[in-house]
């Protein structure tokens, strides 16, 4: 590992660098059994192997997982010959880009078996044609050539194996200690090679809580239109990683300030509505970022992409529905309905799954429903409908609705919180009394056909819907009362 006493561009003390070194040694020792074993096999075949990129960065940060990235001078066909007899499974999905993937069960530092996901990539350089969405890949012959083409200096470090030689030609360790993102060459060259790296800068800022160097931000701003050649799927995947990161506000602000958001998620910067002294309303953009953070604070089982996307997009209908009222207020009537449609459109353009689009847009559509609850005057039937309309999204809707309160008025915030507490208590009571999560009529379709002597057809569906509405209004009727209600409804359908 490197000597911490070399010149640095930062005021970080030597103590912090030595702490970084100690964490890295500990992490590398943990994965040494599998890494050294693989490196020995490459060495015996006449090739070099190095741990590289994010794996080295994460080792230095003390957060190296079991996904390991390696680089080698061996061409992909040679890599396959080496790893096939060794790995438990091998896949060639990325082989066109010089990457071979494999899985290996191996003992960790404690001797217990662990599953390692490994990618081995041939030294390479790649660049986009200005009109192409796919990189042209060419292979290199040295690790230095490989490292200079990587996105950021903190990802352009390597550890040659099995000798554990630290390779850092672009001072990535210094930038890691300073918590700053820079590019190995000029940012213009880096972003021309792969424009997605501009989004990756925002993503790493959100994931690592790093600052982005001013010259990198300037290049992102100047070259924002280059992101248009990147496929929607790659853009979506980077946005997901950013939104699921510990500090998404940081990354989202960078996207908006650089103009990248205008190209990939224009609904977000559109929330920066102009304000004037005569018309009062919240800063919708800032409100949205606060709602996202408040939703994150309510997550129980790790980051929830559906909840976070709903929080980010819940108010995107406001710019289109803004109206200035005569009393100085600003209204956004039906912005939740408009926002749900806009959410579907944007997510479809970003190639999200139909299920994800359905769930996020439904939450956007329902996020204001609670505000009709007031001080608890909803009937039980209104509570049942709230639960029915939310369906399996109810717990997320609870979190989104609570997160949407960003008022600084403590009394108002407490009142809203108490009201929602009351609604949740009512939902739980009705759940216990009525099996609220699976509301259905007291009679099923077969019983309806038998009682009314009907064949399958639309009339059965109408009868079922009528009984469901009665169930929502009155709660469980019981079989006899349901039969009587069904017969009354059927009699009313007969022509006069």
Foldseek 3Di string as FASTA:
>chain_A
DDQLPDDFPDPQDSVLLVVLVVQLVVVCLFCLVVVQVLQVLQVVVVKWKKFFFPQSLCSSVNRHDQETEMEMQDFLVVVCVRCVVPFPDKDCPPNVQQKIWGWHWDATNVGDTDIHIYIYGYQWAWFDDLQAQDIDIDGDRDLQSSLLQDLWQLRSWIQIPDVRRTDRPQPNSSCSSVLETDHSDQLLVNCRRPVCSLLVNLLCCQAVVGHYDPSNLVNCLVCLVSCVNHALQSVVVSLLSLLQHNGNVSSVVSCLVSVNCCVQPVLQVLLQDDDDPQADDDSRNVLLSQLLVQLLVPDDPGGDSLLNLLSNQLQSLQSVQWDQDPNRYIDRPQSLVVSLVVLLVSVVSSVDDPVSNVSSSLLSNCLCVCVVCPQNPDDQLSLLVNLVSCQPVVVSSLSSNLSSDPDPPVVVNVSVVVSSVVSVVSNVVCCVVAVSNDQFFPDDLVVLCVLVVHDDDVVSVVLRVVRSSVCSVPNHDDDVSSSVVSVVVVVVPDDD
